[in-house]
Amino acid sequence: MRNDVGMARFMLAAMPFPGHVTSMLAVAEVLLERGHSVRFYTGSAFRDRVEASGAVFVPWRNAPDFDENDSRRRSRDLSARRACVR
């Protein structure tokens, strides 16, 4: 179903956690079905899922990009960021 105003461009963003990404992917899929252009900004662990939906994957660059399943790296990366803030 296309709307009368034509195609719009959307940028969706989600924290790199399955619950966040899955919910936003549902939104992306509806927008894509309606003929809109969708870019999806999230962690690299979700690249395959985002690209499979038809959205354009945009990797996090200035936010902590982590894989919640890699607890050792996640802890190290987040600890380093906290040290920079102090």
C-alpha atoms as a PDB file:
ATOM      1  CA  MET A   1       0.000   0.000   0.000  1.00  0.00           C
ATOM      2  CA  ARG A   2       1.561   3.314  -1.104  1.00  0.00           C
ATOM      3  CA  ASN A   3       0.513   6.618   0.288  1.00  0.00           C
ATOM      4  CA  ASP A   4      -0.270   9.642  -1.885  1.00  0.00           C
ATOM      5  CA  VAL A   5       2.671  11.731  -0.675  1.00  0.00           C
ATOM      6  CA  GLY A   6       5.280   9.493  -2.316  1.00  0.00           C
ATOM      7  CA  MET A   7       8.293   7.762  -0.919  1.00  0.00           C
ATOM      8  CA  ALA A   8       9.836   9.039   2.302  1.00  0.00           C
ATOM      9  CA  ARG A   9      13.280   8.322   3.709  1.00  0.00           C
ATOM     10  CA  PHE A  10      13.570   6.999   7.275  1.00  0.00           C
ATOM     11  CA  MET A  11      16.512   6.465   9.601  1.00  0.00           C
ATOM     12  CA  LEU A  12      15.704   4.069  12.420  1.00  0.00           C
ATOM     13  CA  ALA A  13      18.030   3.510  15.364  1.00  0.00           C
ATOM     14  CA  ALA A  14      18.120   0.820  18.026  1.00  0.00           C
ATOM     15  CA  MET A  15      20.375  -0.141  20.895  1.00  0.00           C
ATOM     16  CA  PRO A  16      22.102  -3.393  19.880  1.00  0.00           C
ATOM     17  CA  PHE A  17      19.902  -5.719  21.920  1.00  0.00           C
ATOM     18  CA  PRO A  18      17.568  -8.283  20.328  1.00  0.00           C
ATOM     19  CA  GLY A  19      14.410  -6.803  21.861  1.00  0.00           C
ATOM     20  CA  HIS A  20      15.221  -3.312  20.620  1.00  0.00           C
ATOM     21  CA  VAL A  21      16.341  -4.364  17.147  1.00  0.00           C
ATOM     22  CA  THR A  22      13.522  -6.863  16.587  1.00  0.00           C
ATOM     23  CA  SER A  23      10.876  -4.258  17.432  1.00  0.00           C
ATOM     24  CA  MET A  24      12.391  -1.654  15.139  1.00  0.00           C
ATOM     25  CA  LEU A  25      12.866  -4.190  12.331  1.00  0.00           C
ATOM     26  CA  ALA A  26       9.113  -4.762  12.391  1.00  0.00           C
ATOM     27  CA  VAL A  27       8.656  -1.022  11.826  1.00  0.00           C
ATOM     28  CA  ALA A  28      11.288  -1.054   9.067  1.00  0.00           C
ATOM     29  CA  GLU A  29       9.550  -3.914   7.263  1.00  0.00           C
ATOM     30  CA  VAL A  30       6.199  -2.111   7.228  1.00  0.00           C
ATOM     31  CA  LEU A  31       7.832   1.063   5.915  1.00  0.00           C
ATOM     32  CA  LEU A  32       9.642  -0.922   3.212  1.00  0.00           C
ATOM     33  CA  GLU A  33       6.412  -2.685   2.211  1.00  0.00           C
ATOM     34  CA  ARG A  34       4.865   0.751   1.719  1.00  0.00           C
ATOM     35  CA  GLY A  35       7.660   1.736  -0.637  1.00  0.00           C
ATOM     36  CA  HIS A  36       9.727   3.911   1.674  1.00  0.00           C
ATOM     37  CA  SER A  37      13.514   3.971   1.947  1.00  0.00           C
ATOM     38  CA  VAL A  38      14.843   2.786   5.322  1.00  0.00           C
ATOM     39  CA  ARG A  39      18.310   3.044   6.852  1.00  0.00           C
ATOM     40  CA  PHE A  40      18.898   1.258  10.160  1.00  0.00           C
ATOM     41  CA  TYR A  41      21.517   2.465  12.656  1.00  0.00           C
ATOM     42  CA  THR A  42      22.601  -0.171  15.190  1.00  0.00           C
ATOM     43  CA  GLY A  43      25.481  -2.391  16.274  1.00  0.00           C
ATOM     44  CA  SER A  44      27.358  -4.544  13.781  1.00  0.00           C
ATOM     45  CA  ALA A  45      26.147  -7.765  15.430  1.00  0.00           C
ATOM     46  CA  PHE A  46      22.788  -7.123  13.720  1.00  0.00           C
ATOM     47  CA  ARG A  47      24.074  -6.391  10.198  1.00  0.00           C
ATOM     48  CA  ASP A  48      22.733  -9.629   8.699  1.00  0.00           C
ATOM     49  CA  ARG A  49      19.263  -9.230  10.204  1.00  0.00           C
ATOM     50  CA  VAL A  50      18.975  -5.608   9.094  1.00  0.00           C
ATOM     51  CA  GLU A  51      20.126  -6.361   5.554  1.00  0.00           C
ATOM     52  CA  ALA A  52      17.793  -9.387   5.362  1.00  0.00           C
ATOM     53  CA  SER A  53      14.870  -7.067   6.116  1.00  0.00           C
ATOM     54  CA  GLY A  54      15.717  -4.942   3.071  1.00  0.00           C
ATOM     55  CA  ALA A  55      16.840  -1.923   5.085  1.00  0.00           C
ATOM     56  CA  VAL A  56      20.268  -0.378   4.582  1.00  0.00           C
ATOM     57  CA  PHE A  57      22.537  -1.156   7.528  1.00  0.00           C
ATOM     58  CA  VAL A  58      24.390   1.805   9.068  1.00  0.00           C
ATOM     59  CA  PRO A  59      26.947   0.720  11.704  1.00  0.00           C
ATOM     60  CA  TRP A  60      27.357   2.542  14.966  1.00  0.00           C
ATOM     61  CA  ARG A  61      30.474   4.674  14.944  1.00  0.00           C
ATOM     62  CA  ASN A  62      30.268   7.132  17.850  1.00  0.00           C
ATOM     63  CA  ALA A  63      28.274   4.908  20.177  1.00  0.00           C
ATOM     64  CA  PRO A  64      29.544   1.814  21.975  1.00  0.00           C
ATOM     65  CA  ASP A  65      29.214  -0.961  19.389  1.00  0.00           C
ATOM     66  CA  PHE A  66      29.026  -4.201  21.307  1.00  0.00           C
ATOM     67  CA  ASP A  67      27.625  -7.683  21.055  1.00  0.00           C
ATOM     68  CA  GLU A  68      25.630  -8.543  24.157  1.00  0.00           C
ATOM     69  CA  ASN A  69      26.703 -12.165  23.750  1.00  0.00           C
ATOM     70  CA  ASP A  70      30.389 -11.241  24.076  1.00  0.00           C
ATOM     71  CA  SER A  71      30.395 -10.271  27.752  1.00  0.00           C
ATOM     72  CA  ARG A  72      34.177 -10.017  28.086  1.00  0.00           C
ATOM     73  CA  ARG A  73      34.490  -7.499  25.239  1.00  0.00           C
ATOM     74  CA  ARG A  74      31.331  -5.631  26.284  1.00  0.00           C
ATOM     75  CA  SER A  75      32.606  -5.208  29.833  1.00  0.00           C
ATOM     76  CA  ARG A  76      36.038  -4.042  28.632  1.00  0.00           C
ATOM     77  CA  ASP A  77      34.565  -1.577  26.096  1.00  0.00           C
ATOM     78  CA  LEU A  78      32.045  -0.073  28.496  1.00  0.00           C
ATOM     79  CA  SER A  79      34.640   0.198  31.285  1.00  0.00           C
ATOM     80  CA  ALA A  80      36.961   2.088  28.942  1.00  0.00           C
ATOM     81  CA  ARG A  81      34.175   4.506  28.039  1.00  0.00           C
ATOM     82  CA  ARG A  82      33.347   5.121  31.700  1.00  0.00           C
ATOM     83  CA  ALA A  83      36.998   5.946  32.363  1.00  0.00           C
ATOM     84  CA  CYS A  84      36.899   8.589  29.598  1.00  0.00           C
ATOM     85  CA  VAL A  85      33.870  10.251  31.194  1.00  0.00           C
ATOM     86  CA  ARG A  86      35.425  10.564  34.650  1.00  0.00           C
END
